[in-house]
Amino acid sequence: ADSVKGRFTISRDNAKNTLYLQMISLKPEDTAVYYCTKWNS
């Protein structure tokens, strides 16, 4: 999303079945509940 571009990095380790979100330069506007979601493809 434009609001996080350049500050957040999404990645995954398929061997560990784990998804990550690295967040830097955090702003008060980033305050939220963050949900992990699975797509069906």
PDB file of all heavy atoms in Angstrom:
ATOM      1  N   ALA A   1       0.856  -1.171   0.000  1.00  0.00           N
ATOM      2  CA  ALA A   1       0.000   0.000   0.000  1.00  0.00           C
ATOM      3  C   ALA A   1       0.901   1.232   0.000  1.00  0.00           C
ATOM      4  O   ALA A   1       2.003   1.210   0.562  1.00  0.00           O
ATOM      5  CB  ALA A   1      -0.889   0.004   1.239  1.00  0.00           C
ATOM      6  N   ASP A   2       0.437   2.323  -0.620  1.00  0.00           N
ATOM      7  CA  ASP A   2       1.242   3.541  -0.679  1.00  0.00           C
ATOM      8  C   ASP A   2       1.612   4.066   0.707  1.00  0.00           C
ATOM      9  O   ASP A   2       2.679   4.654   0.887  1.00  0.00           O
ATOM     10  CB  ASP A   2       0.496   4.633  -1.450  1.00  0.00           C
ATOM     11  CG  ASP A   2       0.429   4.352  -2.934  1.00  0.00           C
ATOM     12  OD1 ASP A   2       1.224   3.544  -3.443  1.00  0.00           O
ATOM     13  OD2 ASP A   2      -0.433   4.966  -3.597  1.00  0.00           O
ATOM     14  N   SER A   3       0.758   3.852   1.681  1.00  0.00           N
ATOM     15  CA  SER A   3       0.986   4.361   3.021  1.00  0.00           C
ATOM     16  C   SER A   3       2.181   3.730   3.738  1.00  0.00           C
ATOM     17  O   SER A   3       2.709   4.304   4.687  1.00  0.00           O
ATOM     18  CB  SER A   3      -0.272   4.186   3.877  1.00  0.00           C
ATOM     19  OG  SER A   3      -0.644   2.821   3.950  1.00  0.00           O
ATOM     20  N   VAL A   4       2.611   2.557   3.293  1.00  0.00           N
ATOM     21  CA  VAL A   4       3.717   1.867   3.953  1.00  0.00           C
ATOM     22  C   VAL A   4       4.905   1.610   3.034  1.00  0.00           C
ATOM     23  O   VAL A   4       5.955   1.145   3.497  1.00  0.00           O
ATOM     24  CB  VAL A   4       3.264   0.526   4.569  1.00  0.00           C
ATOM     25  CG1 VAL A   4       2.062   0.732   5.478  1.00  0.00           C
ATOM     26  CG2 VAL A   4       2.939  -0.494   3.481  1.00  0.00           C
ATOM     27  N   LYS A   5       4.764   1.911   1.769  1.00  0.00           N
ATOM     28  CA  LYS A   5       5.821   1.653   0.785  1.00  0.00           C
ATOM     29  C   LYS A   5       7.119   2.353   1.176  1.00  0.00           C
ATOM     30  O   LYS A   5       7.131   3.537   1.507  1.00  0.00           O
ATOM     31  CB  LYS A   5       5.360   2.109  -0.596  1.00  0.00           C
ATOM     32  CG  LYS A   5       6.186   1.559  -1.746  1.00  0.00           C
ATOM     33  CD  LYS A   5       5.509   1.870  -3.087  1.00  0.00           C
ATOM     34  CE  LYS A   5       4.147   1.202  -3.184  1.00  0.00           C
ATOM     35  NZ  LYS A   5       3.467   1.474  -4.477  1.00  0.00           N
ATOM     36  N   GLY A   6       8.207   1.603   1.163  1.00  0.00           N
ATOM     37  CA  GLY A   6       9.506   2.146   1.527  1.00  0.00           C
ATOM     38  C   GLY A   6       9.842   1.994   2.990  1.00  0.00           C
ATOM     39  O   GLY A   6      10.996   2.195   3.390  1.00  0.00           O
ATOM     40  N   ARG A   7       8.859   1.649   3.819  1.00  0.00           N
ATOM     41  CA  ARG A   7       9.067   1.493   5.256  1.00  0.00           C
ATOM     42  C   ARG A   7       8.831   0.064   5.739  1.00  0.00           C
ATOM     43  O   ARG A   7       9.451  -0.372   6.701  1.00  0.00           O
ATOM     44  CB  ARG A   7       8.154   2.437   6.038  1.00  0.00           C
ATOM     45  CG  ARG A   7       8.385   3.910   5.729  1.00  0.00           C
ATOM     46  CD  ARG A   7       7.576   4.805   6.666  1.00  0.00           C
ATOM     47  NE  ARG A   7       6.140   4.575   6.531  1.00  0.00           N
ATOM     48  CZ  ARG A   7       5.353   4.114   7.504  1.00  0.00           C
ATOM     49  NH1 ARG A   7       5.860   3.843   8.697  1.00  0.00           N
ATOM     50  NH2 ARG A   7       4.056   3.950   7.292  1.00  0.00           N
ATOM     51  N   PHE A   8       7.922  -0.651   5.098  1.00  0.00           N
ATOM     52  CA  PHE A   8       7.586  -2.018   5.491  1.00  0.00           C
ATOM     53  C   PHE A   8       8.113  -3.003   4.456  1.00  0.00           C
ATOM     54  O   PHE A   8       8.143  -2.717   3.260  1.00  0.00           O
ATOM     55  CB  PHE A   8       6.070  -2.205   5.588  1.00  0.00           C
ATOM     56  CG  PHE A   8       5.410  -1.504   6.746  1.00  0.00           C
ATOM     57  CD1 PHE A   8       6.059  -0.526   7.486  1.00  0.00           C
ATOM     58  CD2 PHE A   8       4.103  -1.834   7.089  1.00  0.00           C
ATOM     59  CE1 PHE A   8       5.441   0.118   8.548  1.00  0.00           C
ATOM     60  CE2 PHE A   8       3.466  -1.203   8.143  1.00  0.00           C
ATOM     61  CZ  PHE A   8       4.131  -0.222   8.873  1.00  0.00           C
ATOM     62  N   THR A   9       8.497  -4.191   4.920  1.00  0.00           N
ATOM     63  CA  THR A   9       8.950  -5.251   4.037  1.00  0.00           C
ATOM     64  C   THR A   9       8.265  -6.560   4.413  1.00  0.00           C
ATOM     65  O   THR A   9       8.381  -7.017   5.549  1.00  0.00           O
ATOM     66  CB  THR A   9      10.470  -5.448   4.112  1.00  0.00           C
ATOM     67  OG1 THR A   9      11.139  -4.233   3.760  1.00  0.00           O
ATOM     68  CG2 THR A   9      10.910  -6.543   3.141  1.00  0.00           C
ATOM     69  N   ILE A  10       7.554  -7.154   3.461  1.00  0.00           N
ATOM     70  CA  ILE A  10       6.915  -8.441   3.692  1.00  0.00           C
ATOM     71  C   ILE A  10       7.854  -9.535   3.173  1.00  0.00           C
ATOM     72  O   ILE A  10       8.513  -9.363   2.149  1.00  0.00           O
ATOM     73  CB  ILE A  10       5.537  -8.518   2.990  1.00  0.00           C
ATOM     74  CG1 ILE A  10       4.789  -9.787   3.405  1.00  0.00           C
ATOM     75  CG2 ILE A  10       5.681  -8.454   1.474  1.00  0.00           C
ATOM     76  CD1 ILE A  10       3.336  -9.821   2.915  1.00  0.00           C
ATOM     77  N   SER A  11       7.928 -10.635   3.885  1.00  0.00           N
ATOM     78  CA  SER A  11       8.773 -11.747   3.468  1.00  0.00           C
ATOM     79  C   SER A  11       8.199 -13.047   4.024  1.00  0.00           C
ATOM     80  O   SER A  11       7.285 -13.030   4.851  1.00  0.00           O
ATOM     81  CB  SER A  11      10.219 -11.553   3.938  1.00  0.00           C
ATOM     82  OG  SER A  11      10.298 -11.530   5.352  1.00  0.00           O
ATOM     83  N   ARG A  12       8.730 -14.168   3.572  1.00  0.00           N
ATOM     84  CA  ARG A  12       8.262 -15.449   4.073  1.00  0.00           C
ATOM     85  C   ARG A  12       9.391 -16.458   4.064  1.00  0.00           C
ATOM     86  O   ARG A  12      10.317 -16.383   3.252  1.00  0.00           O
ATOM     87  CB  ARG A  12       7.082 -15.963   3.230  1.00  0.00           C
ATOM     88  CG  ARG A  12       7.428 -16.268   1.782  1.00  0.00           C
ATOM     89  CD  ARG A  12       6.167 -16.437   0.939  1.00  0.00           C
ATOM     90  NE  ARG A  12       5.367 -17.568   1.375  1.00  0.00           N
ATOM     91  CZ  ARG A  12       4.081 -17.732   1.077  1.00  0.00           C
ATOM     92  NH1 ARG A  12       3.444 -16.826   0.343  1.00  0.00           N
ATOM     93  NH2 ARG A  12       3.434 -18.804   1.523  1.00  0.00           N
ATOM     94  N   ASP A  13       9.317 -17.417   4.974  1.00  0.00           N
ATOM     95  CA  ASP A  13      10.250 -18.533   5.037  1.00  0.00           C
ATOM     96  C   ASP A  13       9.391 -19.781   4.908  1.00  0.00           C
ATOM     97  O   ASP A  13       8.801 -20.244   5.883  1.00  0.00           O
ATOM     98  CB  ASP A  13      11.023 -18.524   6.357  1.00  0.00           C
ATOM     99  CG  ASP A  13      12.117 -19.577   6.385  1.00  0.00           C
ATOM    100  OD1 ASP A  13      12.014 -20.581   5.658  1.00  0.00           O
ATOM    101  OD2 ASP A  13      13.092 -19.393   7.148  1.00  0.00           O
ATOM    102  N   ASN A  14       9.307 -20.304   3.692  1.00  0.00           N
ATOM    103  CA  ASN A  14       8.439 -21.456   3.448  1.00  0.00           C
ATOM    104  C   ASN A  14       8.894 -22.716   4.186  1.00  0.00           C
ATOM    105  O   ASN A  14       8.074 -23.575   4.500  1.00  0.00           O
ATOM    106  CB  ASN A  14       8.333 -21.728   1.946  1.00  0.00           C
ATOM    107  CG  ASN A  14       7.446 -20.718   1.246  1.00  0.00           C
ATOM    108  OD1 ASN A  14       6.678 -19.996   1.888  1.00  0.00           O
ATOM    109  ND2 ASN A  14       7.545 -20.655  -0.077  1.00  0.00           N
ATOM    110  N   ALA A  15      10.182 -22.832   4.458  1.00  0.00           N
ATOM    111  CA  ALA A  15      10.688 -23.985   5.195  1.00  0.00           C
ATOM    112  C   ALA A  15      10.212 -23.969   6.643  1.00  0.00           C
ATOM    113  O   ALA A  15      10.114 -25.015   7.287  1.00  0.00           O
ATOM    114  CB  ALA A  15      12.213 -24.035   5.144  1.00  0.00           C
ATOM    115  N   LYS A  16       9.920 -22.767   7.167  1.00  0.00           N
ATOM    116  CA  LYS A  16       9.464 -22.620   8.546  1.00  0.00           C
ATOM    117  C   LYS A  16       7.974 -22.314   8.645  1.00  0.00           C
ATOM    118  O   LYS A  16       7.460 -22.102   9.742  1.00  0.00           O
ATOM    119  CB  LYS A  16      10.255 -21.510   9.246  1.00  0.00           C
ATOM    120  CG  LYS A  16      11.733 -21.800   9.395  1.00  0.00           C
ATOM    121  CD  LYS A  16      12.434 -20.668  10.124  1.00  0.00           C
ATOM    122  CE  LYS A  16      13.908 -20.976  10.309  1.00  0.00           C
ATOM    123  NZ  LYS A  16      14.614 -19.878  11.013  1.00  0.00           N
ATOM    124  N   ASN A  17       7.279 -22.274   7.509  1.00  0.00           N
ATOM    125  CA  ASN A  17       5.844 -21.958   7.479  1.00  0.00           C
ATOM    126  C   ASN A  17       5.555 -20.648   8.217  1.00  0.00           C
ATOM    127  O   ASN A  17       4.612 -20.556   9.008  1.00  0.00           O
ATOM    128  CB  ASN A  17       5.022 -23.093   8.099  1.00  0.00           C
ATOM    129  CG  ASN A  17       4.945 -24.327   7.219  1.00  0.00           C
ATOM    130  OD1 ASN A  17       5.409 -24.334   6.081  1.00  0.00           O
ATOM    131  ND2 ASN A  17       4.361 -25.385   7.744  1.00  0.00           N
ATOM    132  N   THR A  18       6.370 -19.641   7.946  1.00  0.00           N
ATOM    133  CA  THR A  18       6.247 -18.373   8.655  1.00  0.00           C
ATOM    134  C   THR A  18       6.251 -17.178   7.706  1.00  0.00           C
ATOM    135  O   THR A  18       7.059 -17.109   6.780  1.00  0.00           O
ATOM    136  CB  THR A  18       7.373 -18.211   9.682  1.00  0.00           C
ATOM    137  OG1 THR A  18       7.361 -19.325  10.584  1.00  0.00           O
ATOM    138  CG2 THR A  18       7.185 -16.937  10.496  1.00  0.00           C
ATOM    139  N   LEU A  19       5.352 -16.237   7.965  1.00  0.00           N
ATOM    140  CA  LEU A  19       5.254 -14.973   7.229  1.00  0.00           C
ATOM    141  C   LEU A  19       5.754 -13.861   8.145  1.00  0.00           C
ATOM    142  O   LEU A  19       5.516 -13.904   9.353  1.00  0.00           O
ATOM    143  CB  LEU A  19       3.798 -14.702   6.846  1.00  0.00           C
ATOM    144  CG  LEU A  19       3.489 -13.378   6.138  1.00  0.00           C
ATOM    145  CD1 LEU A  19       3.993 -13.427   4.704  1.00  0.00           C
ATOM    146  CD2 LEU A  19       1.987 -13.108   6.179  1.00  0.00           C
ATOM    147  N   TYR A  20       6.428 -12.860   7.574  1.00  0.00           N
ATOM    148  CA  TYR A  20       6.969 -11.752   8.360  1.00  0.00           C
ATOM    149  C   TYR A  20       6.552 -10.398   7.803  1.00  0.00           C
ATOM    150  O   TYR A  20       6.245 -10.260   6.618  1.00  0.00           O
ATOM    151  CB  TYR A  20       8.496 -11.787   8.370  1.00  0.00           C
ATOM    152  CG  TYR A  20       9.096 -13.059   8.902  1.00  0.00           C
ATOM    153  CD1 TYR A  20       9.539 -14.056   8.039  1.00  0.00           C
ATOM    154  CD2 TYR A  20       9.234 -13.264  10.272  1.00  0.00           C
ATOM    155  CE1 TYR A  20      10.101 -15.227   8.523  1.00  0.00           C
ATOM    156  CE2 TYR A  20       9.789 -14.423  10.764  1.00  0.00           C
ATOM    157  CZ  TYR A  20      10.223 -15.407   9.881  1.00  0.00           C
ATOM    158  OH  TYR A  20      10.780 -16.567  10.374  1.00  0.00           O
ATOM    159  N   LEU A  21       6.575  -9.393   8.684  1.00  0.00           N
ATOM    160  CA  LEU A  21       6.406  -8.008   8.263  1.00  0.00           C
ATOM    161  C   LEU A  21       7.410  -7.188   9.062  1.00  0.00           C
ATOM    162  O   LEU A  21       7.241  -6.982  10.266  1.00  0.00           O
ATOM    163  CB  LEU A  21       4.985  -7.500   8.520  1.00  0.00           C
ATOM    164  CG  LEU A  21       4.710  -6.082   8.000  1.00  0.00           C
ATOM    165  CD1 LEU A  21       4.761  -6.064   6.471  1.00  0.00           C
ATOM    166  CD2 LEU A  21       3.357  -5.570   8.491  1.00  0.00           C
ATOM    167  N   GLN A  22       8.466  -6.722   8.393  1.00  0.00           N
ATOM    168  CA  GLN A  22       9.463  -5.875   9.025  1.00  0.00           C
ATOM    169  C   GLN A  22       9.023  -4.424   8.849  1.00  0.00           C
ATOM    170  O   GLN A  22       8.823  -3.975   7.717  1.00  0.00           O
ATOM    171  CB  GLN A  22      10.838  -6.080   8.393  1.00  0.00           C
ATOM    172  CG  GLN A  22      11.934  -5.199   8.965  1.00  0.00           C
ATOM    173  CD  GLN A  22      12.233  -5.501  10.415  1.00  0.00           C
ATOM    174  OE1 GLN A  22      12.548  -6.646  10.756  1.00  0.00           O
ATOM    175  NE2 GLN A  22      12.126  -4.496  11.282  1.00  0.00           N
ATOM    176  N   MET A  23       8.874  -3.708   9.947  1.00  0.00           N
ATOM    177  CA  MET A  23       8.404  -2.333   9.917  1.00  0.00           C
ATOM    178  C   MET A  23       9.478  -1.406  10.481  1.00  0.00           C
ATOM    179  O   MET A  23       9.993  -1.645  11.577  1.00  0.00           O
ATOM    180  CB  MET A  23       7.123  -2.189  10.738  1.00  0.00           C
ATOM    181  CG  MET A  23       6.026  -3.163  10.333  1.00  0.00           C
ATOM    182  SD  MET A  23       4.509  -2.946  11.308  1.00  0.00           S
ATOM    183  CE  MET A  23       5.079  -3.531  12.906  1.00  0.00           C
ATOM    184  N   ILE A  24       9.826  -0.361   9.744  1.00  0.00           N
ATOM    185  CA  ILE A  24      10.792   0.629  10.210  1.00  0.00           C
ATOM    186  C   ILE A  24      10.174   2.013  10.082  1.00  0.00           C
ATOM    187  O   ILE A  24       9.151   2.192   9.431  1.00  0.00           O
ATOM    188  CB  ILE A  24      12.121   0.566   9.418  1.00  0.00           C
ATOM    189  CG1 ILE A  24      11.898   0.942   7.946  1.00  0.00           C
ATOM    190  CG2 ILE A  24      12.744  -0.806   9.548  1.00  0.00           C
ATOM    191  CD1 ILE A  24      13.183   1.116   7.167  1.00  0.00           C
ATOM    192  N   SER A  25      10.814   3.011  10.706  1.00  0.00           N
ATOM    193  CA  SER A  25      10.335   4.394  10.665  1.00  0.00           C
ATOM    194  C   SER A  25       8.851   4.474  10.992  1.00  0.00           C
ATOM    195  O   SER A  25       8.079   5.142  10.302  1.00  0.00           O
ATOM    196  CB  SER A  25      10.604   5.009   9.282  1.00  0.00           C
ATOM    197  OG  SER A  25      11.983   4.992   8.979  1.00  0.00           O
ATOM    198  N   LEU A  26       8.473   3.813  12.053  1.00  0.00           N
ATOM    199  CA  LEU A  26       7.062   3.742  12.424  1.00  0.00           C
ATOM    200  C   LEU A  26       6.493   5.097  12.814  1.00  0.00           C
ATOM    201  O   LEU A  26       7.163   5.920  13.438  1.00  0.00           O
ATOM    202  CB  LEU A  26       6.873   2.742  13.560  1.00  0.00           C
ATOM    203  CG  LEU A  26       6.948   1.278  13.120  1.00  0.00           C
ATOM    204  CD1 LEU A  26       7.204   0.368  14.311  1.00  0.00           C
ATOM    205  CD2 LEU A  26       5.656   0.885  12.416  1.00  0.00           C
ATOM    206  N   LYS A  27       5.239   5.306  12.429  1.00  0.00           N
ATOM    207  CA  LYS A  27       4.515   6.542  12.699  1.00  0.00           C
ATOM    208  C   LYS A  27       3.308   6.245  13.579  1.00  0.00           C
ATOM    209  O   LYS A  27       2.811   5.121  13.588  1.00  0.00           O
ATOM    210  CB  LYS A  27       4.025   7.164  11.384  1.00  0.00           C
ATOM    211  CG  LYS A  27       5.101   7.396  10.347  1.00  0.00           C
ATOM    212  CD  LYS A  27       4.475   7.873   9.047  1.00  0.00           C
ATOM    213  CE  LYS A  27       5.527   8.108   7.985  1.00  0.00           C
ATOM    214  NZ  LYS A  27       4.918   8.552   6.704  1.00  0.00           N
ATOM    215  N   PRO A  28       2.808   7.244  14.314  1.00  0.00           N
ATOM    216  CA  PRO A  28       1.601   7.024  15.118  1.00  0.00           C
ATOM    217  C   PRO A  28       0.438   6.490  14.278  1.00  0.00           C
ATOM    218  O   PRO A  28      -0.373   5.715  14.783  1.00  0.00           O
ATOM    219  CB  PRO A  28       1.299   8.417  15.673  1.00  0.00           C
ATOM    220  CG  PRO A  28       2.644   9.046  15.792  1.00  0.00           C
ATOM    221  CD  PRO A  28       3.382   8.582  14.555  1.00  0.00           C
ATOM    222  N   GLU A  29       0.372   6.886  13.014  1.00  0.00           N
ATOM    223  CA  GLU A  29      -0.684   6.429  12.116  1.00  0.00           C
ATOM    224  C   GLU A  29      -0.607   4.933  11.814  1.00  0.00           C
ATOM    225  O   GLU A  29      -1.555   4.357  11.275  1.00  0.00           O
ATOM    226  CB  GLU A  29      -0.640   7.193  10.785  1.00  0.00           C
ATOM    227  CG  GLU A  29      -0.675   8.703  10.930  1.00  0.00           C
ATOM    228  CD  GLU A  29       0.716   9.308  10.951  1.00  0.00           C
ATOM    229  OE1 GLU A  29       1.317   9.357  12.048  1.00  0.00           O
ATOM    230  OE2 GLU A  29       1.194   9.738   9.886  1.00  0.00           O
ATOM    231  N   ASP A  30       0.511   4.297  12.145  1.00  0.00           N
ATOM    232  CA  ASP A  30       0.665   2.858  11.937  1.00  0.00           C
ATOM    233  C   ASP A  30       0.044   2.050  13.073  1.00  0.00           C
ATOM    234  O   ASP A  30      -0.016   0.821  12.992  1.00  0.00           O
ATOM    235  CB  ASP A  30       2.144   2.482  11.815  1.00  0.00           C
ATOM    236  CG  ASP A  30       2.798   3.061  10.575  1.00  0.00           C
ATOM    237  OD1 ASP A  30       2.164   3.040   9.496  1.00  0.00           O
ATOM    238  OD2 ASP A  30       3.944   3.535  10.684  1.00  0.00           O
ATOM    239  N   THR A  31      -0.393   2.730  14.127  1.00  0.00           N
ATOM    240  CA  THR A  31      -1.029   2.052  15.249  1.00  0.00           C
ATOM    241  C   THR A  31      -2.268   1.313  14.754  1.00  0.00           C
ATOM    242  O   THR A  31      -3.168   1.908  14.171  1.00  0.00           O
ATOM    243  CB  THR A  31      -1.424   3.054  16.341  1.00  0.00           C
ATOM    244  OG1 THR A  31      -0.238   3.636  16.899  1.00  0.00           O
ATOM    245  CG2 THR A  31      -2.203   2.372  17.456  1.00  0.00           C
ATOM    246  N   ALA A  32      -2.299   0.012  14.987  1.00  0.00           N
ATOM    247  CA  ALA A  32      -3.406  -0.811  14.495  1.00  0.00           C
ATOM    248  C   ALA A  32      -3.243  -2.248  14.958  1.00  0.00           C
ATOM    249  O   ALA A  32      -2.182  -2.648  15.442  1.00  0.00           O
ATOM    250  CB  ALA A  32      -3.448  -0.782  12.964  1.00  0.00           C
ATOM    251  N   VAL A  33      -4.298  -3.016  14.785  1.00  0.00           N
ATOM    252  CA  VAL A  33      -4.210  -4.459  14.949  1.00  0.00           C
ATOM    253  C   VAL A  33      -3.812  -4.992  13.586  1.00  0.00           C
ATOM    254  O   VAL A  33      -4.453  -4.677  12.579  1.00  0.00           O
ATOM    255  CB  VAL A  33      -5.548  -5.081  15.390  1.00  0.00           C
ATOM    256  CG1 VAL A  33      -5.442  -6.604  15.407  1.00  0.00           C
ATOM    257  CG2 VAL A  33      -5.927  -4.576  16.775  1.00  0.00           C
ATOM    258  N   TYR A  34      -2.757  -5.775  13.533  1.00  0.00           N
ATOM    259  CA  TYR A  34      -2.258  -6.321  12.274  1.00  0.00           C
ATOM    260  C   TYR A  34      -2.656  -7.785  12.149  1.00  0.00           C
ATOM    261  O   TYR A  34      -2.381  -8.590  13.039  1.00  0.00           O
ATOM    262  CB  TYR A  34      -0.741  -6.176  12.203  1.00  0.00           C
ATOM    263  CG  TYR A  34      -0.299  -4.763  11.914  1.00  0.00           C
ATOM    264  CD1 TYR A  34      -0.395  -3.780  12.885  1.00  0.00           C
ATOM    265  CD2 TYR A  34       0.192  -4.410  10.655  1.00  0.00           C
ATOM    266  CE1 TYR A  34      -0.023  -2.467  12.616  1.00  0.00           C
ATOM    267  CE2 TYR A  34       0.571  -3.108  10.379  1.00  0.00           C
ATOM    268  CZ  TYR A  34       0.461  -2.140  11.356  1.00  0.00           C
ATOM    269  OH  TYR A  34       0.840  -0.843  11.080  1.00  0.00           O
ATOM    270  N   TYR A  35      -3.296  -8.116  11.026  1.00  0.00           N
ATOM    271  CA  TYR A  35      -3.769  -9.464  10.771  1.00  0.00           C
ATOM    272  C   TYR A  35      -2.977 -10.142   9.658  1.00  0.00           C
ATOM    273  O   TYR A  35      -2.692  -9.526   8.625  1.00  0.00           O
ATOM    274  CB  TYR A  35      -5.235  -9.455  10.346  1.00  0.00           C
ATOM    275  CG  TYR A  35      -6.186  -8.899  11.375  1.00  0.00           C
ATOM    276  CD1 TYR A  35      -6.569  -7.567  11.347  1.00  0.00           C
ATOM    277  CD2 TYR A  35      -6.714  -9.718  12.370  1.00  0.00           C
ATOM    278  CE1 TYR A  35      -7.448  -7.049  12.281  1.00  0.00           C
ATOM    279  CE2 TYR A  35      -7.595  -9.211  13.307  1.00  0.00           C
ATOM    280  CZ  TYR A  35      -7.958  -7.877  13.259  1.00  0.00           C
ATOM    281  OH  TYR A  35      -8.835  -7.375  14.186  1.00  0.00           O
ATOM    282  N   CYS A  36      -2.657 -11.390   9.848  1.00  0.00           N
ATOM    283  CA  CYS A  36      -2.047 -12.240   8.836  1.00  0.00           C
ATOM    284  C   CYS A  36      -3.194 -12.927   8.100  1.00  0.00           C
ATOM    285  O   CYS A  36      -4.118 -13.441   8.734  1.00  0.00           O
ATOM    286  CB  CYS A  36      -1.144 -13.266   9.536  1.00  0.00           C
ATOM    287  SG  CYS A  36      -0.528 -14.608   8.509  1.00  0.00           S
ATOM    288  N   THR A  37      -3.165 -12.926   6.758  1.00  0.00           N
ATOM    289  CA  THR A  37      -4.236 -13.561   5.992  1.00  0.00           C
ATOM    290  C   THR A  37      -3.692 -14.487   4.913  1.00  0.00           C
ATOM    291  O   THR A  37      -2.605 -14.277   4.383  1.00  0.00           O
ATOM    292  CB  THR A  37      -5.154 -12.527   5.316  1.00  0.00           C
ATOM    293  OG1 THR A  37      -4.487 -11.937   4.193  1.00  0.00           O
ATOM    294  CG2 THR A  37      -5.547 -11.424   6.292  1.00  0.00           C
ATOM    295  N   LYS A  38      -4.465 -15.504   4.581  1.00  0.00           N
ATOM    296  CA  LYS A  38      -4.129 -16.480   3.550  1.00  0.00           C
ATOM    297  C   LYS A  38      -5.048 -16.289   2.355  1.00  0.00           C
ATOM    298  O   LYS A  38      -6.257 -16.155   2.512  1.00  0.00           O
ATOM    299  CB  LYS A  38      -4.286 -17.903   4.095  1.00  0.00           C
ATOM    300  CG  LYS A  38      -4.217 -18.994   3.038  1.00  0.00           C
ATOM    301  CD  LYS A  38      -4.630 -20.344   3.615  1.00  0.00           C
ATOM    302  CE  LYS A  38      -4.722 -21.405   2.516  1.00  0.00           C
ATOM    303  NZ  LYS A  38      -5.837 -21.117   1.579  1.00  0.00           N
ATOM    304  N   TRP A  39      -4.471 -16.282   1.155  1.00  0.00           N
ATOM    305  CA  TRP A  39      -5.250 -16.257  -0.071  1.00  0.00           C
ATOM    306  C   TRP A  39      -5.523 -17.690  -0.512  1.00  0.00           C
ATOM    307  O   TRP A  39      -4.843 -18.619  -0.095  1.00  0.00           O
ATOM    308  CB  TRP A  39      -4.503 -15.509  -1.183  1.00  0.00           C
ATOM    309  CG  TRP A  39      -4.450 -14.036  -0.945  1.00  0.00           C
ATOM    310  CD1 TRP A  39      -3.638 -13.379  -0.059  1.00  0.00           C
ATOM    311  CD2 TRP A  39      -5.244 -13.034  -1.583  1.00  0.00           C
ATOM    312  NE1 TRP A  39      -3.884 -12.022  -0.105  1.00  0.00           N
ATOM    313  CE2 TRP A  39      -4.856 -11.787  -1.034  1.00  0.00           C
ATOM    314  CE3 TRP A  39      -6.245 -13.071  -2.569  1.00  0.00           C
ATOM    315  CZ2 TRP A  39      -5.441 -10.580  -1.441  1.00  0.00           C
ATOM    316  CZ3 TRP A  39      -6.823 -11.874  -2.970  1.00  0.00           C
ATOM    317  CH2 TRP A  39      -6.412 -10.643  -2.404  1.00  0.00           C
ATOM    318  N   ASN A  40      -6.513 -17.881  -1.397  1.00  0.00           N
ATOM    319  CA  ASN A  40      -6.847 -19.236  -1.834  1.00  0.00           C
ATOM    320  C   ASN A  40      -6.205 -19.602  -3.172  1.00  0.00           C
ATOM    321  O   ASN A  40      -6.694 -20.478  -3.887  1.00  0.00           O
ATOM    322  CB  ASN A  40      -8.368 -19.446  -1.885  1.00  0.00           C
ATOM    323  CG  ASN A  40      -9.067 -18.497  -2.838  1.00  0.00           C
ATOM    324  OD1 ASN A  40      -8.435 -17.790  -3.608  1.00  0.00           O
ATOM    325  ND2 ASN A  40     -10.391 -18.495  -2.784  1.00  0.00           N
ATOM    326  N   SER A  41      -5.084 -18.949  -3.508  1.00  0.00           N
ATOM    327  CA  SER A  41      -4.330 -19.272  -4.712  1.00  0.00           C
ATOM    328  C   SER A  41      -2.879 -18.841  -4.529  1.00  0.00           C
ATOM    329  O   SER A  41      -2.514 -18.294  -3.493  1.00  0.00           O
ATOM    330  CB  SER A  41      -4.936 -18.595  -5.934  1.00  0.00           C
ATOM    331  OG  SER A  41      -4.746 -17.196  -5.885  1.00  0.00           O
TER     332      SER A  41
END
